[in-house]
Amino acid sequence: GPVLNAFFGWGVLPHTEVAIGKIALVSGQDEGPATVGVSVRYRGEAHKLLVHVLLDEDGWHIANVIYDNGKSLIDHYRDATGR
């Protein structure tokens, strides 16, 4: 099946050039938790990611990534493990 790049989505193979565009707060607070929208471009196509981030005493952590096809990284791992 298609290969998932955890940061950028399905079909983004190693050595694929990815351009990062605008990053904007979609919801939440500057101190977290928050959802951040990230525009990316690869293979001539524009994509938008939603990144759920949390802030704790160790710094910022990515809690989930939702790709523009509607699937998320957590959903992918749950499907892969059957949990």
C-alpha atoms as a PDB file:
ATOM      1  CA  GLY A   1       0.000   0.000   0.000  1.00  0.00           C
ATOM      2  CA  PRO A   2       0.943   3.647   0.019  1.00  0.00           C
ATOM      3  CA  VAL A   3       3.839   4.721   2.218  1.00  0.00           C
ATOM      4  CA  LEU A   4       3.106   7.260   4.964  1.00  0.00           C
ATOM      5  CA  ASN A   5       5.586   9.984   5.803  1.00  0.00           C
ATOM      6  CA  ALA A   6       4.546  10.852   9.370  1.00  0.00           C
ATOM      7  CA  PHE A   7       5.173  14.573   8.883  1.00  0.00           C
ATOM      8  CA  PHE A   8       3.903  15.210   5.352  1.00  0.00           C
ATOM      9  CA  GLY A   9       1.426  12.462   4.410  1.00  0.00           C
ATOM     10  CA  TRP A  10       1.002   9.530   2.078  1.00  0.00           C
ATOM     11  CA  GLY A  11       3.364   9.011  -0.838  1.00  0.00           C
ATOM     12  CA  VAL A  12       6.050  11.487   0.284  1.00  0.00           C
ATOM     13  CA  LEU A  13       9.083   9.260  -0.174  1.00  0.00           C
ATOM     14  CA  PRO A  14      12.574   9.982   1.147  1.00  0.00           C
ATOM     15  CA  HIS A  15      14.399  12.661  -0.849  1.00  0.00           C
ATOM     16  CA  THR A  16      11.122  14.261  -1.997  1.00  0.00           C
ATOM     17  CA  GLU A  17      11.556  18.018  -1.894  1.00  0.00           C
ATOM     18  CA  VAL A  18       8.935  19.557   0.418  1.00  0.00           C
ATOM     19  CA  ALA A  19       8.408  23.320   0.684  1.00  0.00           C
ATOM     20  CA  ILE A  20       6.940  24.572   3.961  1.00  0.00           C
ATOM     21  CA  GLY A  21       4.619  27.553   3.521  1.00  0.00           C
ATOM     22  CA  LYS A  22       2.529  29.513   5.964  1.00  0.00           C
ATOM     23  CA  ILE A  23       2.021  28.289   9.495  1.00  0.00           C
ATOM     24  CA  ALA A  24      -0.961  29.655  11.404  1.00  0.00           C
ATOM     25  CA  LEU A  25      -2.764  29.031  14.660  1.00  0.00           C
ATOM     26  CA  VAL A  26      -6.116  27.416  13.792  1.00  0.00           C
ATOM     27  CA  SER A  27      -7.465  26.927  17.320  1.00  0.00           C
ATOM     28  CA  GLY A  28      -6.301  26.898  20.906  1.00  0.00           C
ATOM     29  CA  GLN A  29      -3.888  29.136  22.745  1.00  0.00           C
ATOM     30  CA  ASP A  30      -0.297  30.230  22.148  1.00  0.00           C
ATOM     31  CA  GLU A  31       0.586  28.283  25.314  1.00  0.00           C
ATOM     32  CA  GLY A  32      -1.132  25.137  23.979  1.00  0.00           C
ATOM     33  CA  PRO A  33      -2.866  22.882  23.518  1.00  0.00           C
ATOM     34  CA  ALA A  34      -3.393  24.148  20.013  1.00  0.00           C
ATOM     35  CA  THR A  35      -4.008  23.171  16.420  1.00  0.00           C
ATOM     36  CA  VAL A  36      -1.636  24.674  13.897  1.00  0.00           C
ATOM     37  CA  GLY A  37      -2.265  24.736  10.146  1.00  0.00           C
ATOM     38  CA  VAL A  38       0.806  24.136   7.973  1.00  0.00           C
ATOM     39  CA  SER A  39       0.859  24.652   4.204  1.00  0.00           C
ATOM     40  CA  VAL A  40       3.236  22.344   2.348  1.00  0.00           C
ATOM     41  CA  ARG A  41       3.982  21.789  -1.318  1.00  0.00           C
ATOM     42  CA  TYR A  42       5.521  18.736  -2.969  1.00  0.00           C
ATOM     43  CA  ARG A  43       5.507  17.336  -6.503  1.00  0.00           C
ATOM     44  CA  GLY A  44       3.848  20.569  -7.646  1.00  0.00           C
ATOM     45  CA  GLU A  45       0.795  20.115  -5.420  1.00  0.00           C
ATOM     46  CA  ALA A  46      -0.281  22.203  -2.428  1.00  0.00           C
ATOM     47  CA  HIS A  47      -1.371  20.432   0.759  1.00  0.00           C
ATOM     48  CA  LYS A  48      -2.505  21.567   4.194  1.00  0.00           C
ATOM     49  CA  LEU A  49      -1.718  19.747   7.415  1.00  0.00           C
ATOM     50  CA  LEU A  50      -3.271  20.264  10.812  1.00  0.00           C
ATOM     51  CA  VAL A  51      -0.885  19.606  13.684  1.00  0.00           C
ATOM     52  CA  HIS A  52      -2.160  19.172  17.236  1.00  0.00           C
ATOM     53  CA  VAL A  53       0.527  20.360  19.657  1.00  0.00           C
ATOM     54  CA  LEU A  54       0.862  20.258  23.432  1.00  0.00           C
ATOM     55  CA  LEU A  55       3.217  22.193  25.699  1.00  0.00           C
ATOM     56  CA  ASP A  56       4.533  20.755  28.942  1.00  0.00           C
ATOM     57  CA  GLU A  57       7.607  21.197  31.117  1.00  0.00           C
ATOM     58  CA  ASP A  58       9.749  19.399  28.489  1.00  0.00           C
ATOM     59  CA  GLY A  59       8.661  21.682  25.626  1.00  0.00           C
ATOM     60  CA  TRP A  60       6.356  21.315  22.625  1.00  0.00           C
ATOM     61  CA  HIS A  61       5.124  17.881  21.541  1.00  0.00           C
ATOM     62  CA  ILE A  62       3.195  16.815  18.460  1.00  0.00           C
ATOM     63  CA  ALA A  63       0.084  14.940  19.597  1.00  0.00           C
ATOM     64  CA  ASN A  64      -1.335  14.202  16.135  1.00  0.00           C
ATOM     65  CA  VAL A  65      -1.089  15.196  12.476  1.00  0.00           C
ATOM     66  CA  ILE A  66      -4.203  15.354  10.285  1.00  0.00           C
ATOM     67  CA  TYR A  67      -3.499  15.172   6.560  1.00  0.00           C
ATOM     68  CA  ASP A  68      -5.538  16.886   3.851  1.00  0.00           C
ATOM     69  CA  ASN A  69      -7.174  13.571   2.948  1.00  0.00           C
ATOM     70  CA  GLY A  70      -8.840  13.603   6.395  1.00  0.00           C
ATOM     71  CA  LYS A  71      -6.815  10.743   7.858  1.00  0.00           C
ATOM     72  CA  SER A  72      -4.560  11.258  10.844  1.00  0.00           C
ATOM     73  CA  LEU A  73      -1.300   9.784  12.072  1.00  0.00           C
ATOM     74  CA  ILE A  74      -3.067   8.327  15.123  1.00  0.00           C
ATOM     75  CA  ASP A  75      -5.700   6.678  12.891  1.00  0.00           C
ATOM     76  CA  HIS A  76      -2.932   5.188  10.755  1.00  0.00           C
ATOM     77  CA  TYR A  77      -1.155   3.684  13.765  1.00  0.00           C
ATOM     78  CA  ARG A  78      -4.438   2.362  15.191  1.00  0.00           C
ATOM     79  CA  ASP A  79      -5.276   0.718  11.841  1.00  0.00           C
ATOM     80  CA  ALA A  80      -1.772  -0.781  11.621  1.00  0.00           C
ATOM     81  CA  THR A  81      -1.876  -2.236  15.127  1.00  0.00           C
ATOM     82  CA  GLY A  82      -5.548  -3.200  15.182  1.00  0.00           C
ATOM     83  CA  ARG A  83      -6.178  -1.140  18.337  1.00  0.00           C
END
